[in-house]
Amino acid sequence: MSTVAMPLEQSVTRLNTAPSDDRLITALEKYAVRSYSREMKLQCLRDELDYSIGLRTLNKLELRLEIGSVRRPPPMEVSQQAVIDEVSKDLLQLNGPAFVQTHNTVREIMHDHFDSGFTLRFPGHKKAQIPRVGLSSMGTFHEVSADGREKLSSQALQMGEIGLPIYAYKDKYSDNLLRLVLTPNSRTAAAGGHLHLDLIEETGCIPMQLTTDKGSEIGWQYAFQATLREAFTPDIDPHVYAVYMVLKSVHNTVIEGFWRWLRVKMGLNLKLIILRGKENHIFDSNVAFHVPLFYWIFVPVIQHELDEFWHRWNTHRIRVQPDKNMPSGHAPAHVLEHPSHVGGIDCRIQIPREAVDELREYLTEEVGSWDSHLRWLGVTVEFERMAEEVWVRIGSPTLLLESAWDVFAEMSAVIENY
C-alpha cells in the first residue's frame, strides 16, 4: 500500500512546487499577449511548468507579479504612449484599433492622435488620386513612349495557346502613333529589342528620349537607345536631356491613355469576334493545326484593322485645349511632319541603315533571330505553303474580320484530309 502511495504523493508535491518568479513572469506575460482565457492559463501552467493551481491563486500571482490584463490595464500615460508608438509605424494608416488591441481606450487614443486614419479606413473612401499635371515637350521625337497591351493574351482569351499582344510607339509632342503592331511576344527583352529595331528601320531615326514602363521587355531597347544616341549625338548632354526614362505604367500617360481609346473603338468588338470561334465550337486548341491556322488567318486580318485605326488616329483632329503646354486642335500626322507650324522643333536623330543592320546582327548572335522570337506559333514556312494551297483550293475567299471564322471552318475541313 505504501509503495503505491509514495509516487502519488511525490507527484502531487512536484505539481504544487511553485516555479521561480522569473519563469512565472515569462509564462504569464506570454499568455497575456496571446489573450488566453483563465482556464487556458491554468492548463498551460500545468503542461509547461508542472504547476497546478486554482483561479484564486492565479489572480494573486498576476496581481503580485504585475501581469497586465484587460481588467488590469497599465496607467493611461503608459497605454497612450504604447498606442502612439504602435500606430506611428503604420505610415499608411491602414490598421484600426482592433489591430493594436480590441479596447475602447485604444480607439479614444487613436481618435485624439491619428484621427485622419479613421477617415482613410472608412468603407467607400476613395484612395488618393494620381495628381494630373500638364505634359510638355520641345517637339517631335523629343520623347517617344512605348508599351505593350495584353488584353487579348492567352489568359484573357482562354483559347489554349492563342494570344494576340499588341505593341505601340507614340510620339509625345504630336500625339502621332509611330507603330501599332500585333506581336506574338511583347514580354521578353529579345522580342523588345527586335521590335525597337523594326521601328528604327521604318522611321530611319531614334527619339532624343525613349520612355517605357518597368516591363521585362526593355533591356535591349535601353541598350540600343543609349548606344545610338551616344554614337550619333555625342554633343547632347544626357544629364540635361535624358536618354531613357522608366516610369510606372500609371505614369506613362502618353501611351496608357491611348489604350483606352483602342479598347473602346475596336478592342471590345475584336475580342467578341475572336471568342466566337470558341463559343461556336469552330476552334479547338487540342487540334494540332488549329493554332497555326488561326494565326495564319487572323493575324493579317487583325493587323489590317489596327492599321486602319492607326491611320484614323493619326489623321483625326485633336480637340482644342487652350491651356495645353503642347499643340492642340491639330492632326497628329501633320505636326509630326511639320512641327515648326505649331512652334515645335524636329528632335529626331537620323540613324543610317548600316547601323541598324549591325545591331540586328549583334542581337541575333546574342539572343536569336527575329523569327525565333517574333514568328507566330506553328506558322512555319511549310505550314504557310500548305495553308496558301488550301486557301486557293477553296476559292481564295477575301479575308475579312467578319467572315474569318467561316474561312477557318472551310480550310479546317480541307486540312483534315490534306
Protein backbone atom coordinates (compact mmCIF):
# COMPACT_ATOMS: atom_id res chain seq x y z
CA MET A 1 0.00 0.00 0.00
CA SER A 2 2.77 2.41 0.90
CA THR A 3 4.68 1.60 -2.28
CA VAL A 4 1.73 2.79 -4.37
CA ALA A 5 1.04 5.94 -2.35
CA MET A 6 4.62 7.23 -2.40
CA PRO A 7 4.81 8.09 -6.14
CA LEU A 8 1.38 9.77 -5.98
CA GLU A 9 2.46 11.95 -3.04
CA GLN A 10 5.68 12.84 -4.83
CA SER A 11 3.69 13.71 -7.96
CA VAL A 12 1.32 16.00 -6.06
CA THR A 13 4.25 17.66 -4.32
CA ARG A 14 6.03 18.14 -7.63
CA LEU A 15 2.95 19.73 -9.26
CA ASN A 16 2.42 22.08 -6.33
CA THR A 17 6.01 23.33 -6.21
CA ALA A 18 5.94 26.94 -7.43
CA PRO A 19 8.37 27.83 -10.20
CA SER A 20 10.61 30.85 -9.81
CA ASP A 21 9.10 34.29 -10.33
CA ASP A 22 11.15 34.77 -13.50
CA ARG A 23 9.70 31.65 -15.09
CA LEU A 24 6.18 32.60 -13.98
CA ILE A 25 6.50 36.14 -15.36
CA THR A 26 7.74 34.84 -18.72
CA ALA A 27 4.89 32.34 -18.97
CA LEU A 28 2.11 34.64 -17.74
CA GLU A 29 3.17 37.53 -19.99
CA LYS A 30 3.14 35.16 -22.96
CA TYR A 31 -0.39 34.05 -22.05
CA ALA A 32 -1.49 37.68 -21.69
CA VAL A 33 -0.09 38.64 -25.11
CA ARG A 34 -1.92 35.70 -26.67
CA SER A 35 -5.17 36.65 -24.89
CA TYR A 36 -5.54 33.25 -23.19
CA SER A 37 -8.59 32.74 -21.00
CA ARG A 38 -8.00 31.99 -17.32
CA GLU A 39 -8.82 28.32 -17.85
CA MET A 40 -6.27 28.14 -20.68
CA LYS A 41 -3.65 29.77 -18.46
CA LEU A 42 -4.20 27.16 -15.75
CA GLN A 43 -3.95 24.34 -18.27
CA CYS A 44 -0.73 25.75 -19.77
CA LEU A 45 0.84 26.20 -16.33
CA ARG A 46 0.19 22.52 -15.62
CA ASP A 47 1.53 21.39 -19.01
CA GLU A 48 4.53 23.71 -19.29
CA LEU A 49 5.65 24.30 -15.69
CA ASP A 50 4.16 21.28 -13.85
CA TYR A 51 2.38 23.81 -11.65
CA SER A 52 -1.22 23.10 -10.64
CA ILE A 53 -3.15 25.97 -9.03
CA GLY A 54 -6.67 27.38 -8.95
CA LEU A 55 -8.21 30.61 -10.21
CA ARG A 56 -7.78 32.45 -6.91
CA THR A 57 -4.06 31.66 -6.76
CA LEU A 58 -3.68 32.67 -10.42
CA ASN A 59 -5.29 36.06 -9.72
CA LYS A 60 -2.99 36.63 -6.73
CA LEU A 61 0.06 35.71 -8.79
CA GLU A 62 -0.83 38.05 -11.64
CA LEU A 63 -1.52 40.87 -9.20
CA ARG A 64 1.77 40.32 -7.32
CA LEU A 65 3.83 39.95 -10.49
CA GLU A 66 2.06 42.92 -12.16
CA ILE A 67 0.92 40.94 -15.18
CA GLY A 68 -1.30 43.12 -17.35
CA SER A 69 -4.79 42.08 -18.43
CA VAL A 70 -7.97 43.59 -19.78
CA ARG A 71 -9.20 44.15 -16.24
CA ARG A 72 -5.84 45.46 -15.04
CA PRO A 73 -4.65 47.86 -17.79
CA PRO A 74 -1.45 49.87 -17.33
CA PRO A 75 -1.66 53.55 -16.35
CA MET A 76 -3.23 55.79 -19.01
CA GLU A 77 0.02 57.57 -19.87
CA VAL A 78 1.70 54.20 -20.48
CA SER A 79 -1.20 52.96 -22.62
CA GLN A 80 -1.29 56.19 -24.57
CA GLN A 81 2.42 56.10 -25.39
CA ALA A 82 2.23 52.41 -26.35
CA VAL A 83 -0.62 53.06 -28.77
CA ILE A 84 1.15 56.10 -30.27
CA ASP A 85 4.35 54.10 -30.76
CA GLU A 86 2.48 51.29 -32.50
CA VAL A 87 0.32 53.45 -34.77
CA SER A 88 3.30 55.63 -35.73
CA LYS A 89 4.74 52.59 -37.51
CA ASP A 90 1.64 52.45 -39.74
CA LEU A 91 2.53 55.20 -42.22
CA LEU A 92 -0.46 54.49 -44.48
CA GLN A 93 -2.89 54.48 -41.54
CA LEU A 94 -4.49 51.23 -42.71
CA ASN A 95 -4.74 49.49 -39.32
CA GLY A 96 -7.59 50.28 -36.96
CA PRO A 97 -7.88 49.90 -33.17
CA ALA A 98 -8.56 46.16 -33.42
CA PHE A 99 -5.08 45.66 -34.88
CA VAL A 100 -3.48 47.13 -31.76
CA GLN A 101 -5.93 45.88 -29.12
CA THR A 102 -9.68 45.50 -29.07
CA HIS A 103 -10.38 48.09 -26.43
CA ASN A 104 -12.26 51.37 -26.27
CA THR A 105 -9.25 53.09 -24.72
CA VAL A 106 -7.19 52.44 -27.83
CA ARG A 107 -9.94 53.88 -30.02
CA GLU A 108 -10.07 57.06 -27.96
CA ILE A 109 -6.29 57.48 -28.06
CA MET A 110 -6.21 56.95 -31.83
CA HIS A 111 -9.01 59.48 -32.34
CA ASP A 112 -7.03 62.00 -30.32
CA HIS A 113 -3.71 61.49 -32.12
CA PHE A 114 -4.46 59.81 -35.50
CA ASP A 115 -7.99 60.86 -36.35
CA SER A 116 -7.37 61.04 -40.11
CA GLY A 117 -6.72 57.30 -40.22
CA PHE A 118 -10.37 56.57 -39.41
CA THR A 119 -11.43 58.55 -42.48
CA LEU A 120 -8.97 56.65 -44.69
CA ARG A 121 -10.29 53.30 -43.45
CA PHE A 122 -13.97 54.20 -43.70
CA PRO A 123 -15.79 51.86 -46.15
CA GLY A 124 -16.22 53.52 -49.52
CA HIS A 125 -13.42 56.02 -49.02
CA LYS A 126 -11.61 56.60 -52.32
CA LYS A 127 -7.87 56.29 -52.46
CA ALA A 128 -5.86 59.37 -53.27
CA GLN A 129 -5.97 60.11 -56.99
CA ILE A 130 -2.79 60.47 -59.01
CA PRO A 131 -2.30 64.23 -59.44
CA ARG A 132 -2.76 65.40 -63.02
CA VAL A 133 -0.01 67.61 -64.39
CA GLY A 134 0.46 69.12 -67.81
CA LEU A 135 2.74 67.32 -70.27
CA SER A 136 5.50 69.20 -72.02
CA SER A 137 7.90 68.52 -74.87
CA MET A 138 10.15 70.58 -77.16
CA GLY A 139 8.99 68.99 -80.39
CA THR A 140 8.55 65.81 -82.37
CA PHE A 141 10.78 62.89 -81.42
CA HIS A 142 11.88 64.68 -78.28
CA GLU A 143 10.16 61.87 -76.38
CA VAL A 144 8.58 58.66 -77.67
CA SER A 145 6.63 56.35 -75.36
CA ALA A 146 6.43 52.58 -75.85
CA ASP A 147 4.24 49.96 -74.22
CA GLY A 148 2.65 46.56 -74.76
CA ARG A 149 -1.00 45.63 -74.35
CA GLU A 150 -2.17 42.13 -73.43
CA LYS A 151 -5.96 42.40 -73.27
CA LEU A 152 -6.04 39.72 -75.98
CA SER A 153 -3.45 37.48 -74.31
CA SER A 154 -3.88 33.73 -73.88
CA GLN A 155 -5.04 34.32 -70.31
CA ALA A 156 -7.72 36.75 -71.48
CA LEU A 157 -8.98 34.63 -74.38
CA GLN A 158 -8.78 31.20 -72.72
CA MET A 159 -8.27 29.54 -76.10
CA GLY A 160 -5.25 27.41 -75.33
CA GLU A 161 -2.03 28.96 -76.59
CA ILE A 162 -3.78 31.64 -78.64
CA GLY A 163 -2.65 35.13 -77.64
CA LEU A 164 -2.54 38.43 -79.54
CA PRO A 165 -0.41 41.02 -77.69
CA ILE A 166 -0.10 44.49 -79.21
CA TYR A 167 2.92 46.79 -79.02
CA ALA A 168 2.88 50.50 -79.79
CA TYR A 169 5.18 53.52 -80.02
CA LYS A 170 3.73 57.03 -79.72
CA ASP A 171 5.27 60.47 -80.11
CA LYS A 172 4.54 62.72 -77.15
CA TYR A 173 4.58 66.14 -78.83
CA SER A 174 2.44 65.38 -81.88
CA ASP A 175 0.35 62.55 -80.36
CA ASN A 176 1.21 60.60 -83.51
CA LEU A 177 1.25 56.80 -83.43
CA LEU A 178 4.57 55.67 -84.85
CA ARG A 179 3.85 51.95 -84.72
CA LEU A 180 0.92 49.73 -83.74
CA VAL A 181 1.63 46.07 -84.33
CA LEU A 182 0.45 42.62 -83.33
CA THR A 183 3.29 40.58 -81.90
CA PRO A 184 3.49 37.02 -80.60
CA ASN A 185 5.80 38.17 -77.82
CA SER A 186 5.81 41.51 -76.03
CA ARG A 187 7.40 40.45 -72.76
CA THR A 188 10.95 39.28 -73.37
CA ALA A 189 13.91 41.61 -73.78
CA ALA A 190 14.90 39.86 -77.02
CA ALA A 191 11.49 40.47 -78.59
CA GLY A 192 11.56 44.07 -77.38
CA GLY A 193 14.96 44.56 -78.98
CA HIS A 194 13.78 43.30 -82.37
CA LEU A 195 10.61 45.42 -82.18
CA HIS A 196 12.70 48.50 -81.41
CA LEU A 197 14.99 47.85 -84.38
CA ASP A 198 11.90 47.40 -86.58
CA LEU A 199 10.76 50.89 -85.56
CA ILE A 200 14.17 52.41 -86.31
CA GLU A 201 14.18 50.73 -89.74
CA GLU A 202 10.73 52.15 -90.55
CA THR A 203 11.32 55.70 -89.30
CA GLY A 204 15.06 55.96 -90.00
CA CYS A 205 15.63 57.62 -86.65
CA ILE A 206 15.51 57.39 -82.87
CA PRO A 207 13.97 59.91 -80.45
CA MET A 208 16.01 62.01 -78.09
CA GLN A 209 14.36 60.09 -75.24
CA LEU A 210 12.57 56.75 -75.12
CA THR A 211 10.06 56.23 -72.30
CA THR A 212 8.69 52.88 -71.15
CA ASP A 213 7.25 51.27 -68.06
CA LYS A 214 9.23 48.78 -65.97
CA GLY A 215 8.35 45.76 -68.10
CA SER A 216 10.67 42.85 -68.79
CA GLU A 217 10.96 43.76 -72.48
CA ILE A 218 13.00 46.94 -72.06
CA GLY A 219 16.57 45.60 -71.69
CA TRP A 220 17.74 45.68 -75.31
CA GLN A 221 15.61 48.74 -76.09
CA TYR A 222 17.50 50.68 -73.45
CA ALA A 223 20.85 49.39 -74.72
CA PHE A 224 20.12 50.34 -78.34
CA GLN A 225 18.70 53.76 -77.45
CA ALA A 226 21.72 54.63 -75.29
CA THR A 227 24.26 53.28 -77.79
CA LEU A 228 22.80 55.03 -80.83
CA ARG A 229 22.29 58.37 -79.12
CA GLU A 230 25.83 58.40 -77.79
CA ALA A 231 27.22 57.43 -81.19
CA PHE A 232 25.25 59.89 -83.34
CA THR A 233 24.65 62.82 -80.98
CA PRO A 234 27.61 62.87 -78.58
CA ASP A 235 27.16 66.63 -78.09
CA ILE A 236 23.78 66.25 -76.35
CA ASP A 237 24.34 66.08 -72.59
CA PRO A 238 22.45 63.04 -71.19
CA HIS A 239 22.27 64.73 -67.79
CA VAL A 240 20.30 67.60 -69.33
CA TYR A 241 18.29 65.65 -71.91
CA ALA A 242 17.60 62.12 -70.68
CA VAL A 243 18.31 59.18 -72.96
CA TYR A 244 15.76 56.83 -71.44
CA MET A 245 13.04 57.14 -68.84
CA VAL A 246 11.46 54.26 -66.92
CA LEU A 247 8.09 55.01 -65.29
CA LYS A 248 5.31 53.15 -63.56
CA SER A 249 2.56 52.23 -66.01
CA VAL A 250 0.12 54.67 -64.38
CA HIS A 251 2.58 57.50 -65.03
CA ASN A 252 3.33 56.58 -68.65
CA THR A 253 0.23 58.51 -69.64
CA VAL A 254 1.25 59.30 -73.22
CA ILE A 255 0.73 55.68 -74.26
CA GLU A 256 -1.52 54.42 -71.44
CA GLY A 257 -4.20 56.98 -72.30
CA PHE A 258 -4.20 55.73 -75.89
CA TRP A 259 -5.02 52.13 -74.91
CA ARG A 260 -8.42 53.20 -73.60
CA TRP A 261 -9.36 54.62 -77.00
CA LEU A 262 -8.20 51.47 -78.75
CA ARG A 263 -10.24 49.30 -76.38
CA VAL A 264 -13.42 51.36 -76.75
CA LYS A 265 -13.23 51.93 -80.51
CA MET A 266 -12.28 48.41 -81.62
CA GLY A 267 -10.82 46.26 -78.83
CA LEU A 268 -14.08 45.08 -77.27
CA ASN A 269 -15.66 44.16 -80.61
CA LEU A 270 -12.46 42.44 -81.69
CA LYS A 271 -12.43 40.25 -78.61
CA LEU A 272 -16.07 39.22 -79.11
CA ILE A 273 -15.37 38.20 -82.71
CA ILE A 274 -12.32 36.15 -81.72
CA LEU A 275 -14.19 34.38 -78.91
CA ARG A 276 -16.96 33.43 -81.34
CA GLY A 277 -14.76 30.61 -82.65
CA LYS A 278 -14.55 29.05 -79.19
CA GLU A 279 -18.20 29.61 -78.31
CA ASN A 280 -19.44 28.13 -81.61
CA HIS A 281 -17.02 25.18 -81.32
CA ILE A 282 -15.21 26.08 -84.54
CA PHE A 283 -11.83 26.32 -82.83
CA ASP A 284 -10.34 23.51 -80.75
CA SER A 285 -6.90 24.08 -79.22
CA ASN A 286 -6.43 20.31 -78.99
CA VAL A 287 -6.41 20.01 -82.78
CA ALA A 288 -2.75 20.37 -83.76
CA PHE A 289 -3.22 22.61 -86.81
CA HIS A 290 -5.91 24.90 -85.36
CA VAL A 291 -3.46 27.21 -83.58
CA PRO A 292 -1.24 27.95 -86.62
CA LEU A 293 -4.32 28.15 -88.88
CA PHE A 294 -5.86 30.71 -86.53
CA TYR A 295 -2.72 32.82 -86.69
CA TRP A 296 -2.39 32.45 -90.47
CA ILE A 297 -5.93 33.80 -90.97
CA PHE A 298 -6.45 36.21 -88.10
CA VAL A 299 -3.08 37.95 -87.69
CA PRO A 300 -3.15 39.71 -91.10
CA VAL A 301 -6.87 40.44 -90.69
CA ILE A 302 -6.47 41.99 -87.23
CA GLN A 303 -3.30 43.82 -88.27
CA HIS A 304 -5.31 45.34 -91.13
CA GLU A 305 -7.88 46.57 -88.60
CA LEU A 306 -5.09 48.01 -86.45
CA ASP A 307 -3.57 49.73 -89.49
CA GLU A 308 -6.91 51.37 -90.27
CA PHE A 309 -7.26 52.53 -86.67
CA TRP A 310 -3.65 53.76 -86.80
CA HIS A 311 -4.45 55.81 -89.89
CA ARG A 312 -7.67 57.23 -88.39
CA TRP A 313 -5.85 58.17 -85.20
CA ASN A 314 -3.02 59.99 -86.95
CA THR A 315 -5.39 61.93 -89.21
CA HIS A 316 -8.11 62.83 -86.70
CA ARG A 317 -8.16 66.35 -85.32
CA ILE A 318 -7.35 66.67 -81.62
CA ARG A 319 -9.72 68.92 -79.69
CA VAL A 320 -8.57 72.43 -78.89
CA GLN A 321 -7.11 72.83 -75.39
CA PRO A 322 -6.08 76.47 -74.81
CA ASP A 323 -4.16 75.73 -71.59
CA LYS A 324 -2.18 72.82 -73.00
CA ASN A 325 1.63 73.17 -73.00
CA MET A 326 1.87 71.34 -76.32
CA PRO A 327 -0.12 71.69 -79.57
CA SER A 328 -3.86 71.03 -79.74
CA GLY A 329 -6.53 71.37 -82.40
CA HIS A 330 -4.31 69.61 -84.94
CA ALA A 331 -3.95 66.31 -86.79
CA PRO A 332 -1.07 64.26 -85.30
CA ALA A 333 0.35 63.33 -88.72
CA HIS A 334 0.58 66.99 -89.74
CA VAL A 335 2.51 68.03 -86.63
CA LEU A 336 4.85 65.05 -86.96
CA GLU A 337 5.77 66.19 -90.47
CA HIS A 338 5.75 69.94 -89.76
CA PRO A 339 6.47 70.61 -86.07
CA SER A 340 7.56 74.16 -86.87
CA HIS A 341 3.96 75.00 -87.88
CA VAL A 342 2.96 74.81 -84.22
CA GLY A 343 6.15 76.17 -82.65
CA GLY A 344 8.00 72.89 -82.14
CA ILE A 345 11.33 71.58 -83.34
CA ASP A 346 12.23 68.31 -85.02
CA CYS A 347 14.33 66.37 -82.49
CA ARG A 348 14.72 63.14 -84.44
CA ILE A 349 18.19 61.63 -84.58
CA GLN A 350 18.83 60.14 -88.00
CA ILE A 351 20.24 56.60 -87.95
CA PRO A 352 21.81 55.04 -91.07
CA ARG A 353 20.53 51.64 -92.13
CA GLU A 354 24.01 50.15 -91.77
CA ALA A 355 23.98 50.87 -88.03
CA VAL A 356 20.60 49.16 -87.63
CA ASP A 357 21.80 46.13 -89.58
CA GLU A 358 24.88 45.90 -87.40
CA LEU A 359 22.78 45.98 -84.22
CA ARG A 360 20.38 43.41 -85.66
CA GLU A 361 23.27 41.08 -86.41
CA TYR A 362 24.64 41.55 -82.90
CA LEU A 363 21.22 40.93 -81.32
CA THR A 364 20.75 37.78 -83.40
CA GLU A 365 24.11 36.42 -82.27
CA GLU A 366 23.33 37.17 -78.63
CA VAL A 367 19.69 36.05 -78.24
CA GLY A 368 18.43 34.70 -81.56
CA SER A 369 16.91 35.88 -84.82
CA TRP A 370 13.74 37.86 -85.43
CA ASP A 371 11.96 34.65 -86.48
CA SER A 372 12.93 32.82 -83.31
CA HIS A 373 11.19 35.45 -81.17
CA LEU A 374 8.50 37.03 -83.34
CA ARG A 375 7.24 34.25 -85.62
CA TRP A 376 3.74 33.10 -84.69
CA LEU A 377 3.47 29.71 -83.01
CA GLY A 378 3.37 26.87 -85.53
CA VAL A 379 3.31 29.14 -88.59
CA THR A 380 6.38 27.63 -90.23
CA VAL A 381 7.38 28.13 -93.85
CA GLU A 382 5.96 24.68 -94.63
CA PHE A 383 2.65 25.48 -92.93
CA GLU A 384 2.37 28.79 -94.79
CA ARG A 385 2.86 26.98 -98.10
CA MET A 386 0.24 24.37 -97.24
CA ALA A 387 -2.27 26.97 -95.98
CA GLU A 388 -1.82 29.01 -99.16
CA GLU A 389 -2.61 25.94 -101.29
CA VAL A 390 -5.72 25.13 -99.25
CA TRP A 391 -6.92 28.74 -99.40
CA VAL A 392 -6.60 28.71 -103.20
CA ARG A 393 -8.41 25.36 -103.35
CA ILE A 394 -11.49 26.78 -101.58
CA GLY A 395 -11.66 29.71 -103.99
CA SER A 396 -9.30 32.28 -102.43
CA PRO A 397 -12.04 33.99 -100.37
CA THR A 398 -11.39 37.54 -99.20
CA LEU A 399 -10.13 37.53 -95.63
CA LEU A 400 -12.27 39.91 -93.58
CA LEU A 401 -12.72 40.05 -89.84
CA GLU A 402 -16.47 39.41 -90.10
CA SER A 403 -16.06 36.25 -92.19
CA ALA A 404 -12.72 34.97 -90.88
CA TRP A 405 -14.28 32.13 -88.89
CA ASP A 406 -16.19 30.92 -91.97
CA VAL A 407 -12.91 30.73 -93.89
CA PHE A 408 -11.31 29.00 -90.90
CA ALA A 409 -14.02 26.32 -90.86
CA GLU A 410 -13.71 25.72 -94.61
CA MET A 411 -9.93 25.46 -94.53
CA SER A 412 -10.02 23.28 -91.43
CA ALA A 413 -12.26 20.75 -93.16
CA VAL A 414 -9.85 20.53 -96.11
CA ILE A 415 -6.70 20.33 -93.97
CA GLU A 416 -8.11 17.38 -92.03
CA ASN A 417 -7.96 15.36 -95.25
CA TYR A 418 -4.88 17.05 -96.69
